[in-house]
Amino acid sequence: MPPEKFRIALVQMSCGPDPEQNLQKALERTADAAGRGVQVVCLPELFQTQYFCQREDASLFDLAEPIPGPATEKLAATARKHGIVLIASLFEKRAPGMYHNTAAVFDTDGTLRGIYRKMHIPDDPLYYEKFYFTPGDLGYRAIDTSAGRLGTLVCWDQWYPEGARLTALQGASVLFYPTAIGWHPSEKSEFGQAQHDAWRTIQRAHAIANGVYVAVVNRVGFETGNIRGQSAPGKGLEFWGGSFICDPFGQVIAEASHNREEILFGEVDLRKLEEIRRNWPFLRDRRVDSYAPITNRLLD
């Protein structure tokens, strides 16, 4: 039986030019978190590199690895050594010319319990992800682990209530969102506070609407997409950190800074989830008979 209570940790980290060093840092921070008595650790989106989607460069497909592959072997070994569930965001090479932005979930024995392929793929200035990633084709997934059933979505997915809902309906107690989001330097002074507030608010709303915990882990630092000494042209991105954990009524129980590497800790209490759902029964009162039009692009 999964535990009624378990502790989770989010590794908010900066990423340098060397992928091997980033992976080693992530493994060390994971070990640190495990040593403080957590059962689940989640790493940021694409933590092995600086955020390379700031440019379209076909040579960067060489960064991708198959699953299973060399990186997953090290991640699995770390999960097994420390007896934790580990969620890691990876650049997956599925086949020649087909790549995904994928979250992999490893259990306490190192077993790969499942993967989730990012469904919503952005294409915005300095976030040119459609060049690199094929949209996910596995649907929304809640994955069984020794800590219970957990949901994984990735970054741009966090703006879409449909993904959160469909994952929660499968029984996930926590929605984890590995993330890489930041400010354009030219926009920060005018729009930065509002952008961050919208990001925080929409994800707290997922917790409230679905009666689940939400755990969001972002990176920190200014990046130009420097991969092994080759940066992208342009002004770069300032990743805003702000990783947080909120309970099933959207109350933030732990939150990180905007500019420091941190390990963020929080407790998941399934009894609290039950209590909140009894008193705010949003799932009970859904009118599932009335929602069919949601599958249309637009209701003209």
Protein backbone atom coordinates (compact mmCIF):
# COMPACT_ATOMS: atom_id res chain seq x y z
CA MET A 1 0.00 0.00 0.00
CA PRO A 2 1.30 3.53 -0.77
CA PRO A 3 1.95 5.68 2.30
CA GLU A 4 -0.65 8.15 3.57
CA LYS A 5 2.12 10.72 3.97
CA PHE A 6 5.35 11.17 2.05
CA ARG A 7 7.91 13.91 1.53
CA ILE A 8 8.91 15.34 -1.83
CA ALA A 9 11.83 17.47 -2.96
CA LEU A 10 12.29 19.79 -5.94
CA VAL A 11 15.82 20.48 -7.16
CA GLN A 12 15.97 24.09 -8.35
CA MET A 13 19.34 24.43 -10.09
CA SER A 14 21.30 26.44 -12.60
CA CYS A 15 22.71 24.77 -15.71
CA GLY A 16 26.14 25.33 -17.23
CA PRO A 17 27.63 24.69 -20.67
CA ASP A 18 28.73 21.10 -19.96
CA PRO A 19 25.96 18.44 -20.03
CA GLU A 20 27.99 15.90 -18.08
CA GLN A 21 28.59 18.39 -15.26
CA ASN A 22 24.90 19.30 -15.16
CA LEU A 23 23.93 15.64 -14.85
CA GLN A 24 26.47 15.13 -12.07
CA LYS A 25 25.18 18.17 -10.21
CA ALA A 26 21.61 16.89 -10.50
CA LEU A 27 22.62 13.47 -9.16
CA GLU A 28 24.47 15.05 -6.23
CA ARG A 29 21.50 17.28 -5.36
CA THR A 30 19.22 14.27 -5.61
CA ALA A 31 21.44 12.37 -3.17
CA ASP A 32 21.39 15.38 -0.84
CA ALA A 33 17.59 15.48 -0.90
CA ALA A 34 17.35 11.73 -0.34
CA GLY A 35 19.61 12.07 2.68
CA ARG A 36 17.04 14.39 4.22
CA GLY A 37 14.35 11.77 4.25
CA VAL A 38 12.29 12.37 1.12
CA GLN A 39 10.50 9.71 -0.90
CA VAL A 40 10.19 11.57 -4.25
CA VAL A 41 12.64 13.92 -6.01
CA CYS A 42 11.86 15.91 -9.17
CA LEU A 43 14.43 17.63 -11.39
CA PRO A 44 13.83 20.65 -13.69
CA GLU A 45 12.99 20.45 -17.37
CA LEU A 46 15.92 19.46 -19.62
CA PHE A 47 18.35 19.90 -16.71
CA GLN A 48 21.29 18.29 -18.55
CA THR A 49 21.89 21.40 -20.65
CA GLN A 50 21.33 25.07 -20.79
CA TYR A 51 18.01 25.75 -22.47
CA PHE A 52 19.05 25.10 -26.07
CA CYS A 53 15.67 25.93 -27.67
CA GLN A 54 16.67 29.60 -27.84
CA ARG A 55 17.85 28.82 -31.39
CA GLU A 56 17.12 26.39 -34.18
CA ASP A 57 20.27 24.34 -34.69
CA ALA A 58 20.11 20.84 -36.16
CA SER A 59 23.45 19.90 -34.58
CA LEU A 60 21.80 20.09 -31.15
CA PHE A 61 19.78 16.97 -31.89
CA ASP A 62 23.02 15.20 -30.96
CA LEU A 63 22.21 16.04 -27.33
CA ALA A 64 19.26 13.62 -27.34
CA GLU A 65 19.52 10.08 -25.96
CA PRO A 66 17.31 7.02 -26.20
CA ILE A 67 15.27 5.85 -23.21
CA PRO A 68 16.68 3.65 -21.78
CA GLY A 69 20.13 5.06 -22.43
CA PRO A 70 23.30 6.33 -20.71
CA ALA A 71 21.57 9.09 -18.72
CA THR A 72 18.69 6.88 -17.59
CA GLU A 73 21.18 4.26 -16.37
CA LYS A 74 22.73 6.83 -14.02
CA LEU A 75 19.36 8.17 -12.92
CA ALA A 76 18.04 4.68 -12.26
CA ALA A 77 21.16 3.80 -10.25
CA THR A 78 20.69 6.93 -8.13
CA ALA A 79 17.02 6.13 -7.45
CA ARG A 80 17.97 2.56 -6.50
CA LYS A 81 20.93 3.57 -4.30
CA HIS A 82 18.90 6.05 -2.28
CA GLY A 83 15.56 4.24 -2.34
CA ILE A 84 13.60 7.13 -3.84
CA VAL A 85 11.21 7.81 -6.68
CA LEU A 86 13.02 10.09 -9.15
CA ILE A 87 11.37 12.19 -11.89
CA ALA A 88 13.73 13.42 -14.59
CA SER A 89 13.07 15.49 -17.72
CA LEU A 90 15.02 14.25 -20.74
CA PHE A 91 15.63 15.03 -24.41
CA GLU A 92 14.52 11.69 -25.83
CA LYS A 93 15.74 10.28 -29.14
CA ARG A 94 12.93 7.96 -30.14
CA ALA A 95 14.04 7.28 -33.71
CA PRO A 96 16.15 9.03 -36.36
CA GLY A 97 14.54 12.43 -36.85
CA MET A 98 11.99 11.95 -34.05
CA TYR A 99 12.64 13.48 -30.66
CA HIS A 100 10.52 14.18 -27.59
CA ASN A 101 10.65 16.28 -24.43
CA THR A 102 10.07 13.43 -21.99
CA ALA A 103 9.66 12.98 -18.25
CA ALA A 104 10.89 9.61 -16.95
CA VAL A 105 9.79 8.19 -13.60
CA PHE A 106 12.13 5.78 -11.76
CA ASP A 107 11.03 3.81 -8.71
CA THR A 108 12.92 2.97 -5.55
CA ASP A 109 14.41 -0.18 -7.11
CA GLY A 110 15.64 1.75 -10.16
CA THR A 111 12.86 0.45 -12.40
CA LEU A 112 11.64 2.83 -15.09
CA ARG A 113 7.95 2.91 -14.15
CA GLY A 114 6.85 5.01 -17.07
CA ILE A 115 7.42 8.03 -19.28
CA TYR A 116 5.35 11.03 -20.22
CA ARG A 117 6.01 12.87 -23.48
CA LYS A 118 5.26 16.58 -23.39
CA MET A 119 1.98 17.20 -25.17
CA HIS A 120 1.90 20.98 -25.62
CA ILE A 121 4.91 22.28 -27.54
CA PRO A 122 5.51 26.05 -27.64
CA ASP A 123 6.91 28.09 -30.49
CA ASP A 124 7.68 31.59 -29.22
CA PRO A 125 10.69 33.91 -29.33
CA LEU A 126 13.60 32.07 -27.64
CA TYR A 127 11.32 29.07 -26.98
CA TYR A 128 11.58 27.38 -30.38
CA GLU A 129 10.55 23.94 -29.16
CA LYS A 130 8.55 22.89 -32.21
CA PHE A 131 11.84 22.67 -34.10
CA TYR A 132 13.12 20.02 -31.68
CA PHE A 133 10.20 18.11 -30.19
CA THR A 134 7.49 15.94 -31.66
CA PRO A 135 4.28 16.36 -29.63
CA GLY A 136 3.65 13.57 -27.16
CA ASP A 137 1.54 10.61 -28.26
CA LEU A 138 1.11 8.76 -24.98
CA GLY A 139 -1.62 10.98 -23.65
CA TYR A 140 -1.77 12.17 -20.07
CA ARG A 141 -0.45 9.67 -17.59
CA ALA A 142 -0.59 8.93 -13.90
CA ILE A 143 2.19 6.49 -13.02
CA ASP A 144 2.14 3.98 -10.18
CA THR A 145 5.16 4.16 -7.87
CA SER A 146 6.05 3.09 -4.34
CA ALA A 147 4.87 6.55 -3.24
CA GLY A 148 1.52 6.05 -4.91
CA ARG A 149 0.17 7.30 -8.22
CA LEU A 150 1.95 10.43 -9.49
CA GLY A 151 1.29 12.65 -12.49
CA THR A 152 3.95 14.22 -14.65
CA LEU A 153 3.42 17.05 -17.10
CA VAL A 154 6.07 19.38 -18.53
CA CYS A 155 6.38 23.18 -18.62
CA TRP A 156 4.06 24.52 -21.36
CA ASP A 157 1.55 21.86 -20.29
CA GLN A 158 1.15 23.86 -17.08
CA TRP A 159 -1.05 26.46 -18.78
CA TYR A 160 -3.68 23.92 -19.88
CA PRO A 161 -6.39 22.81 -17.44
CA GLU A 162 -7.29 19.85 -19.66
CA GLY A 163 -3.96 18.09 -19.06
CA ALA A 164 -4.14 18.62 -15.31
CA ARG A 165 -7.73 17.36 -15.20
CA LEU A 166 -7.12 14.23 -17.24
CA THR A 167 -4.07 13.34 -15.18
CA ALA A 168 -5.87 13.92 -11.89
CA LEU A 169 -8.84 11.83 -13.02
CA GLN A 170 -6.47 8.87 -13.33
CA GLY A 171 -5.81 9.07 -9.61
CA ALA A 172 -2.63 11.12 -9.35
CA SER A 173 -2.17 12.62 -5.88
CA VAL A 174 0.53 15.05 -7.08
CA LEU A 175 1.02 16.78 -10.41
CA PHE A 176 4.72 17.39 -11.01
CA TYR A 177 5.70 20.05 -13.56
CA PRO A 178 9.40 20.05 -14.54
CA THR A 179 9.84 23.53 -16.01
CA ALA A 180 12.20 25.92 -17.81
CA ILE A 181 10.62 29.36 -17.89
CA GLY A 182 12.12 32.82 -17.61
CA TRP A 183 11.98 36.46 -18.50
CA HIS A 184 13.11 38.14 -21.68
CA PRO A 185 15.46 40.81 -20.31
CA SER A 186 13.73 43.54 -22.33
CA GLU A 187 10.32 42.62 -20.89
CA LYS A 188 11.10 41.98 -17.24
CA SER A 189 10.70 45.49 -15.86
CA GLU A 190 7.31 46.06 -17.49
CA PHE A 191 5.75 42.59 -17.62
CA GLY A 192 7.88 40.37 -15.40
CA GLN A 193 5.83 40.49 -12.24
CA ALA A 194 2.56 39.87 -14.09
CA GLN A 195 4.05 36.98 -16.08
CA HIS A 196 5.30 35.26 -12.95
CA ASP A 197 2.01 35.85 -11.14
CA ALA A 198 0.01 34.33 -14.00
CA TRP A 199 2.30 31.27 -14.05
CA ARG A 200 1.95 30.75 -10.30
CA THR A 201 -1.79 31.38 -10.33
CA ILE A 202 -2.71 28.97 -13.14
CA GLN A 203 -0.90 26.10 -11.46
CA ARG A 204 -2.43 26.79 -8.06
CA ALA A 205 -5.76 26.71 -9.87
CA HIS A 206 -4.99 23.19 -11.15
CA ALA A 207 -4.52 22.09 -7.54
CA ILE A 208 -7.81 23.65 -6.46
CA ALA A 209 -9.92 22.47 -9.40
CA ASN A 210 -8.68 18.89 -9.13
CA GLY A 211 -8.07 18.49 -5.41
CA VAL A 212 -4.43 17.46 -5.85
CA TYR A 213 -1.00 18.64 -4.77
CA VAL A 214 0.99 20.51 -7.41
CA ALA A 215 4.81 20.61 -7.44
CA VAL A 216 6.58 22.87 -9.93
CA VAL A 217 10.36 22.88 -10.33
CA ASN A 218 12.12 25.54 -12.43
CA ARG A 219 15.75 26.40 -13.11
CA VAL A 220 17.56 29.62 -12.19
CA GLY A 221 20.20 31.77 -13.81
CA PHE A 222 20.80 33.78 -16.97
CA GLU A 223 21.35 31.60 -20.04
CA THR A 224 22.20 32.15 -23.67
CA GLY A 225 21.85 28.49 -24.61
CA ASN A 226 25.57 27.86 -24.15
CA ILE A 227 26.22 24.22 -25.07
CA ARG A 228 29.88 23.21 -24.78
CA GLY A 229 31.01 26.77 -25.35
CA GLN A 230 28.63 27.72 -28.17
CA SER A 231 25.97 30.28 -27.23
CA ALA A 232 22.88 31.34 -29.09
CA PRO A 233 22.84 34.81 -30.61
CA GLY A 234 20.55 37.24 -28.84
CA LYS A 235 19.88 38.54 -25.37
CA GLY A 236 19.25 35.27 -23.58
CA LEU A 237 16.72 34.40 -20.87
CA GLU A 238 16.67 34.99 -17.12
CA PHE A 239 15.08 31.89 -15.61
CA TRP A 240 12.95 32.97 -12.69
CA GLY A 241 13.15 29.98 -10.36
CA GLY A 242 10.21 30.33 -7.99
CA SER A 243 9.72 26.57 -7.69
CA PHE A 244 6.81 25.82 -5.38
CA ILE A 245 4.60 23.16 -3.84
CA CYS A 246 0.93 23.78 -3.09
CA ASP A 247 -1.73 21.70 -1.40
CA PRO A 248 -5.09 20.59 -2.86
CA PHE A 249 -6.65 23.95 -2.08
CA GLY A 250 -3.88 25.91 -3.73
CA GLN A 251 -2.14 27.02 -0.54
CA VAL A 252 1.60 27.34 -1.15
CA ILE A 253 3.40 25.23 1.44
CA ALA A 254 6.94 25.79 0.14
CA GLU A 255 8.41 28.25 -2.36
CA ALA A 256 11.91 28.94 -3.62
CA SER A 257 13.63 32.20 -4.50
CA HIS A 258 13.93 33.70 -7.96
CA ASN A 259 17.71 33.58 -8.15
CA ARG A 260 19.26 30.88 -5.93
CA GLU A 261 19.89 27.18 -6.32
CA GLU A 262 17.79 25.43 -3.66
CA ILE A 263 16.26 22.11 -2.75
CA LEU A 264 12.63 22.67 -1.85
CA PHE A 265 10.83 20.27 0.49
CA GLY A 266 7.17 19.58 1.17
CA GLU A 267 4.89 16.92 2.58
CA VAL A 268 2.03 15.22 0.77
CA ASP A 269 -0.75 14.11 3.10
CA LEU A 270 -3.42 12.02 1.43
CA ARG A 271 -5.73 12.52 4.40
CA LYS A 272 -5.69 16.25 3.69
CA LEU A 273 -6.47 15.54 0.05
CA GLU A 274 -9.46 13.47 1.15
CA GLU A 275 -10.64 16.16 3.57
CA ILE A 276 -10.46 18.96 1.00
CA ARG A 277 -12.27 16.91 -1.65
CA ARG A 278 -15.07 16.10 0.81
CA ASN A 279 -15.64 19.76 1.59
CA TRP A 280 -15.04 21.13 -1.90
CA PRO A 281 -16.37 18.30 -4.12
CA PHE A 282 -15.54 19.73 -7.53
CA LEU A 283 -14.99 16.29 -9.05
CA ARG A 284 -18.32 15.05 -7.71
CA ASP A 285 -20.27 17.93 -9.21
CA ARG A 286 -18.78 17.86 -12.67
CA ARG A 287 -21.40 17.74 -15.45
CA VAL A 288 -19.62 15.24 -17.65
CA ASP A 289 -22.68 15.01 -19.88
CA SER A 290 -22.21 18.65 -20.95
CA TYR A 291 -18.51 18.77 -21.85
CA ALA A 292 -18.35 17.13 -25.29
CA PRO A 293 -17.81 20.45 -27.13
CA ILE A 294 -14.45 20.88 -25.35
CA THR A 295 -12.88 18.70 -28.04
CA ASN A 296 -13.54 21.35 -30.67
CA ARG A 297 -10.84 23.86 -31.54
CA LEU A 298 -13.31 26.72 -31.34
CA LEU A 299 -17.09 27.02 -30.97
CA ASP A 300 -18.00 29.38 -33.81
